[in-house]
Amino acid sequence: MPTKSAPAVMLFSLLCGTSASAAGFTVTLSPTDPALRCGAGVTPTLSFGTPPSGTKALAIIFWDQQPSKLTGRWIVYDLPLSTKALAAGKVSLTAVAGGKAGVNEAGQQGYTAPCSAGRHDIYIDFYALKVASLGLPAGAPLQRVHAAIKANKMLEAKAHVTLTIK
């Protein structure tokens, strides 16, 4: 089984957008989160900053960029506006902190950890949505959820960490 080496880059919380009123809208992931280990049985622990005024719900997509492909590993949507963090939980949960989990590109509902050897750029996209619900059931596929998010997003924040699996 592959093992994770020390992160190559420290975590940065980044704001995408130029609105000064959205300056506190952030997402944070620790580069030592146990969920980043191959075979992890838990979801990542994430913390969130304050969403912009007018936000009705929140969503996240956990992306894994490798040199040859981009994989959606975890999709959570319809999170209540009161959500300030996502604690580690079972990888197969269909309900997460009052929101819903979608089916990732591994064909699993919930989270799958990165395992293939090589460099992984992990991105967490955190979305402020202008609707209270995307109108999708739990278990919706990544492509449907992503399209609905893009159609209803007010603002997006990103976190990034790089790791190498040997």
C-alpha atoms as a PDB file:
ATOM      1  CA  MET A   1       0.000   0.000   0.000  1.00  0.00           C
ATOM      2  CA  PRO A   2       1.416   3.442  -0.870  1.00  0.00           C
ATOM      3  CA  THR A   3       2.432   5.722   1.959  1.00  0.00           C
ATOM      4  CA  LYS A   4       2.237   9.470   2.258  1.00  0.00           C
ATOM      5  CA  SER A   5       5.437  11.471   2.547  1.00  0.00           C
ATOM      6  CA  ALA A   6       5.633  14.853   4.240  1.00  0.00           C
ATOM      7  CA  PRO A   7       3.652  17.568   2.448  1.00  0.00           C
ATOM      8  CA  ALA A   8       5.738  19.381  -0.141  1.00  0.00           C
ATOM      9  CA  VAL A   9       3.961  22.689   0.396  1.00  0.00           C
ATOM     10  CA  MET A  10       2.250  24.144   3.440  1.00  0.00           C
ATOM     11  CA  LEU A  11      -1.449  24.889   3.323  1.00  0.00           C
ATOM     12  CA  PHE A  12      -2.734  28.229   2.129  1.00  0.00           C
ATOM     13  CA  SER A  13      -6.294  29.475   2.419  1.00  0.00           C
ATOM     14  CA  LEU A  14      -7.010  31.549  -0.647  1.00  0.00           C
ATOM     15  CA  LEU A  15      -9.873  33.832  -1.520  1.00  0.00           C
ATOM     16  CA  CYS A  16     -11.171  33.784  -5.068  1.00  0.00           C
ATOM     17  CA  GLY A  17     -12.928  37.028  -5.805  1.00  0.00           C
ATOM     18  CA  THR A  18     -12.258  40.687  -5.274  1.00  0.00           C
ATOM     19  CA  SER A  19     -15.133  41.778  -3.070  1.00  0.00           C
ATOM     20  CA  ALA A  20     -13.902  43.356   0.167  1.00  0.00           C
ATOM     21  CA  SER A  21     -17.097  42.216   1.883  1.00  0.00           C
ATOM     22  CA  ALA A  22     -16.044  38.599   1.252  1.00  0.00           C
ATOM     23  CA  ALA A  23     -12.598  38.922   2.840  1.00  0.00           C
ATOM     24  CA  GLY A  24     -13.436  36.428   5.629  1.00  0.00           C
ATOM     25  CA  PHE A  25     -14.721  33.717   3.284  1.00  0.00           C
ATOM     26  CA  THR A  26     -12.084  30.965   3.606  1.00  0.00           C
ATOM     27  CA  VAL A  27     -11.645  27.203   3.886  1.00  0.00           C
ATOM     28  CA  THR A  28      -8.804  25.487   5.742  1.00  0.00           C
ATOM     29  CA  LEU A  29      -7.387  21.952   5.492  1.00  0.00           C
ATOM     30  CA  SER A  30      -4.369  20.775   7.511  1.00  0.00           C
ATOM     31  CA  PRO A  31      -1.565  19.169   5.452  1.00  0.00           C
ATOM     32  CA  THR A  32      -1.282  16.517   8.206  1.00  0.00           C
ATOM     33  CA  ASP A  33      -4.988  15.595   8.167  1.00  0.00           C
ATOM     34  CA  PRO A  34      -5.302  11.778   8.613  1.00  0.00           C
ATOM     35  CA  ALA A  35      -7.849  11.710   5.761  1.00  0.00           C
ATOM     36  CA  LEU A  36      -5.010  12.406   3.313  1.00  0.00           C
ATOM     37  CA  ARG A  37      -3.503   8.955   3.997  1.00  0.00           C
ATOM     38  CA  CYS A  38      -4.140   6.143   1.545  1.00  0.00           C
ATOM     39  CA  GLY A  39      -6.946   3.946   2.847  1.00  0.00           C
ATOM     40  CA  ALA A  40      -8.144   6.562   5.332  1.00  0.00           C
ATOM     41  CA  GLY A  41     -11.416   5.600   6.965  1.00  0.00           C
ATOM     42  CA  VAL A  42     -12.367   9.192   7.795  1.00  0.00           C
ATOM     43  CA  THR A  43     -13.277  12.336   5.893  1.00  0.00           C
ATOM     44  CA  PRO A  44     -11.108  15.467   6.019  1.00  0.00           C
ATOM     45  CA  THR A  45     -11.568  17.987   8.816  1.00  0.00           C
ATOM     46  CA  LEU A  46     -12.312  21.396   7.339  1.00  0.00           C
ATOM     47  CA  SER A  47     -12.941  24.786   8.912  1.00  0.00           C
ATOM     48  CA  PHE A  48     -14.762  27.643   7.219  1.00  0.00           C
ATOM     49  CA  GLY A  49     -14.691  31.424   7.443  1.00  0.00           C
ATOM     50  CA  THR A  50     -17.709  33.694   7.268  1.00  0.00           C
ATOM     51  CA  PRO A  51     -19.709  33.520   4.032  1.00  0.00           C
ATOM     52  CA  PRO A  52     -20.775  36.737   2.298  1.00  0.00           C
ATOM     53  CA  SER A  53     -24.095  38.401   2.996  1.00  0.00           C
ATOM     54  CA  GLY A  54     -26.919  36.830   1.005  1.00  0.00           C
ATOM     55  CA  THR A  55     -25.510  33.294   1.148  1.00  0.00           C
ATOM     56  CA  LYS A  56     -28.288  30.701   1.506  1.00  0.00           C
ATOM     57  CA  ALA A  57     -26.247  27.459   1.680  1.00  0.00           C
ATOM     58  CA  LEU A  58     -22.681  26.129   1.344  1.00  0.00           C
ATOM     59  CA  ALA A  59     -20.970  23.386  -0.660  1.00  0.00           C
ATOM     60  CA  ILE A  60     -17.496  21.862  -0.978  1.00  0.00           C
ATOM     61  CA  ILE A  61     -15.718  19.813  -3.609  1.00  0.00           C
ATOM     62  CA  PHE A  62     -12.457  18.045  -2.715  1.00  0.00           C
ATOM     63  CA  TRP A  63     -10.309  17.749  -5.868  1.00  0.00           C
ATOM     64  CA  ASP A  64      -7.146  15.699  -6.384  1.00  0.00           C
ATOM     65  CA  GLN A  65      -5.015  16.999  -9.280  1.00  0.00           C
ATOM     66  CA  GLN A  66      -2.361  14.588 -10.514  1.00  0.00           C
ATOM     67  CA  PRO A  67      -0.140  15.141 -13.561  1.00  0.00           C
ATOM     68  CA  SER A  68      -2.434  13.073 -15.790  1.00  0.00           C
ATOM     69  CA  LYS A  69      -5.905  13.601 -14.278  1.00  0.00           C
ATOM     70  CA  LEU A  70      -8.226  15.564 -12.009  1.00  0.00           C
ATOM     71  CA  THR A  71     -10.390  13.521  -9.637  1.00  0.00           C
ATOM     72  CA  GLY A  72     -13.317  14.656  -7.504  1.00  0.00           C
ATOM     73  CA  ARG A  73     -12.885  12.759  -4.216  1.00  0.00           C
ATOM     74  CA  TRP A  74     -15.626  14.291  -2.020  1.00  0.00           C
ATOM     75  CA  ILE A  75     -18.709  16.389  -2.745  1.00  0.00           C
ATOM     76  CA  VAL A  76     -20.846  17.898   0.014  1.00  0.00           C
ATOM     77  CA  TYR A  77     -23.712  20.270  -0.792  1.00  0.00           C
ATOM     78  CA  ASP A  78     -26.774  21.913   0.719  1.00  0.00           C
ATOM     79  CA  LEU A  79     -24.795  22.601   3.895  1.00  0.00           C
ATOM     80  CA  PRO A  80     -26.702  24.900   6.273  1.00  0.00           C
ATOM     81  CA  LEU A  81     -25.454  28.455   6.472  1.00  0.00           C
ATOM     82  CA  SER A  82     -24.592  27.889  10.155  1.00  0.00           C
ATOM     83  CA  THR A  83     -21.892  25.309   9.254  1.00  0.00           C
ATOM     84  CA  LYS A  84     -18.502  26.509  10.535  1.00  0.00           C
ATOM     85  CA  ALA A  85     -16.575  23.234  10.128  1.00  0.00           C
ATOM     86  CA  LEU A  86     -16.791  19.633   8.985  1.00  0.00           C
ATOM     87  CA  ALA A  87     -15.389  17.191  11.528  1.00  0.00           C
ATOM     88  CA  ALA A  88     -13.817  13.880  10.536  1.00  0.00           C
ATOM     89  CA  GLY A  89     -16.534  11.311   9.919  1.00  0.00           C
ATOM     90  CA  LYS A  90     -17.139   7.975   8.216  1.00  0.00           C
ATOM     91  CA  VAL A  91     -16.167   8.070   4.549  1.00  0.00           C
ATOM     92  CA  SER A  92     -19.499   6.636   3.379  1.00  0.00           C
ATOM     93  CA  LEU A  93     -21.854   9.073   5.104  1.00  0.00           C
ATOM     94  CA  THR A  94     -24.759  10.274   2.960  1.00  0.00           C
ATOM     95  CA  ALA A  95     -25.623  13.145   5.313  1.00  0.00           C
ATOM     96  CA  VAL A  96     -22.806  15.459   6.412  1.00  0.00           C
ATOM     97  CA  ALA A  97     -23.385  18.239   8.974  1.00  0.00           C
ATOM     98  CA  GLY A  98     -26.965  18.753   7.776  1.00  0.00           C
ATOM     99  CA  GLY A  99     -25.919  18.633   4.095  1.00  0.00           C
ATOM    100  CA  LYS A 100     -25.733  15.864   1.516  1.00  0.00           C
ATOM    101  CA  ALA A 101     -22.837  13.847   0.088  1.00  0.00           C
ATOM    102  CA  GLY A 102     -22.644  13.145  -3.629  1.00  0.00           C
ATOM    103  CA  VAL A 103     -21.136  10.259  -5.562  1.00  0.00           C
ATOM    104  CA  ASN A 104     -17.475  10.934  -6.331  1.00  0.00           C
ATOM    105  CA  GLU A 105     -15.549   9.934  -9.438  1.00  0.00           C
ATOM    106  CA  ALA A 106     -14.586   6.629  -7.820  1.00  0.00           C
ATOM    107  CA  GLY A 107     -18.316   5.828  -7.995  1.00  0.00           C
ATOM    108  CA  GLN A 108     -18.680   5.955  -4.206  1.00  0.00           C
ATOM    109  CA  GLN A 109     -20.977   8.103  -2.138  1.00  0.00           C
ATOM    110  CA  GLY A 110     -18.771   9.925   0.332  1.00  0.00           C
ATOM    111  CA  TYR A 111     -14.985  10.365   0.430  1.00  0.00           C
ATOM    112  CA  THR A 112     -12.091   8.388  -1.056  1.00  0.00           C
ATOM    113  CA  ALA A 113      -8.501   9.163  -0.061  1.00  0.00           C
ATOM    114  CA  PRO A 114      -5.707   9.647  -2.612  1.00  0.00           C
ATOM    115  CA  CYS A 115      -3.647   6.452  -3.016  1.00  0.00           C
ATOM    116  CA  SER A 116      -1.830   6.348  -6.345  1.00  0.00           C
ATOM    117  CA  ALA A 117       1.906   6.993  -6.272  1.00  0.00           C
ATOM    118  CA  GLY A 118       3.172  10.426  -7.242  1.00  0.00           C
ATOM    119  CA  ARG A 119       2.427  14.066  -6.626  1.00  0.00           C
ATOM    120  CA  HIS A 120      -1.080  15.099  -5.601  1.00  0.00           C
ATOM    121  CA  ASP A 121      -2.262  18.707  -5.545  1.00  0.00           C
ATOM    122  CA  ILE A 122      -5.274  18.694  -3.260  1.00  0.00           C
ATOM    123  CA  TYR A 123      -7.762  21.532  -3.692  1.00  0.00           C
ATOM    124  CA  ILE A 124     -10.804  22.211  -1.557  1.00  0.00           C
ATOM    125  CA  ASP A 125     -13.314  24.451  -3.331  1.00  0.00           C
ATOM    126  CA  PHE A 126     -15.713  26.061  -0.857  1.00  0.00           C
ATOM    127  CA  TYR A 127     -18.815  27.690  -2.310  1.00  0.00           C
ATOM    128  CA  ALA A 128     -21.297  30.281  -1.045  1.00  0.00           C
ATOM    129  CA  LEU A 129     -24.588  29.526  -2.793  1.00  0.00           C
ATOM    130  CA  LYS A 130     -27.481  31.859  -3.608  1.00  0.00           C
ATOM    131  CA  VAL A 131     -30.031  29.060  -3.080  1.00  0.00           C
ATOM    132  CA  ALA A 132     -30.899  27.115   0.084  1.00  0.00           C
ATOM    133  CA  SER A 133     -30.810  23.823  -1.835  1.00  0.00           C
ATOM    134  CA  LEU A 134     -29.427  22.677  -5.173  1.00  0.00           C
ATOM    135  CA  GLY A 135     -32.563  20.537  -5.534  1.00  0.00           C
ATOM    136  CA  LEU A 136     -30.548  17.325  -5.835  1.00  0.00           C
ATOM    137  CA  PRO A 137     -30.936  14.189  -3.723  1.00  0.00           C
ATOM    138  CA  ALA A 138     -28.101  12.784  -1.619  1.00  0.00           C
ATOM    139  CA  GLY A 139     -25.971  10.586  -3.874  1.00  0.00           C
ATOM    140  CA  ALA A 140     -26.160  12.825  -6.946  1.00  0.00           C
ATOM    141  CA  PRO A 141     -23.132  12.367  -9.247  1.00  0.00           C
ATOM    142  CA  LEU A 142     -20.268  14.867  -9.147  1.00  0.00           C
ATOM    143  CA  GLN A 143     -20.974  16.278 -12.621  1.00  0.00           C
ATOM    144  CA  ARG A 144     -24.616  17.135 -11.758  1.00  0.00           C
ATOM    145  CA  VAL A 145     -23.652  18.659  -8.415  1.00  0.00           C
ATOM    146  CA  HIS A 146     -20.784  20.667  -9.936  1.00  0.00           C
ATOM    147  CA  ALA A 147     -23.053  22.029 -12.697  1.00  0.00           C
ATOM    148  CA  ALA A 148     -25.684  23.040 -10.116  1.00  0.00           C
ATOM    149  CA  ILE A 149     -23.026  24.706  -7.946  1.00  0.00           C
ATOM    150  CA  LYS A 150     -21.645  26.663 -10.900  1.00  0.00           C
ATOM    151  CA  ALA A 151     -25.158  27.861 -11.771  1.00  0.00           C
ATOM    152  CA  ASN A 152     -25.847  29.000  -8.185  1.00  0.00           C
ATOM    153  CA  LYS A 153     -22.545  30.141  -6.690  1.00  0.00           C
ATOM    154  CA  MET A 154     -22.053  33.599  -5.267  1.00  0.00           C
ATOM    155  CA  LEU A 155     -18.420  33.180  -4.265  1.00  0.00           C
ATOM    156  CA  GLU A 156     -15.721  30.510  -4.089  1.00  0.00           C
ATOM    157  CA  ALA A 157     -12.762  30.094  -1.714  1.00  0.00           C
ATOM    158  CA  LYS A 158      -9.963  27.557  -2.118  1.00  0.00           C
ATOM    159  CA  ALA A 159      -7.482  25.675   0.038  1.00  0.00           C
ATOM    160  CA  HIS A 160      -4.483  23.875  -1.463  1.00  0.00           C
ATOM    161  CA  VAL A 161      -1.947  21.384  -0.156  1.00  0.00           C
ATOM    162  CA  THR A 162       0.576  19.295  -2.067  1.00  0.00           C
ATOM    163  CA  LEU A 163       1.581  15.798  -1.009  1.00  0.00           C
ATOM    164  CA  THR A 164       3.625  13.003  -2.529  1.00  0.00           C
ATOM    165  CA  ILE A 165       2.626   9.366  -2.214  1.00  0.00           C
ATOM    166  CA  LYS A 166       5.400   6.823  -2.677  1.00  0.00           C
END
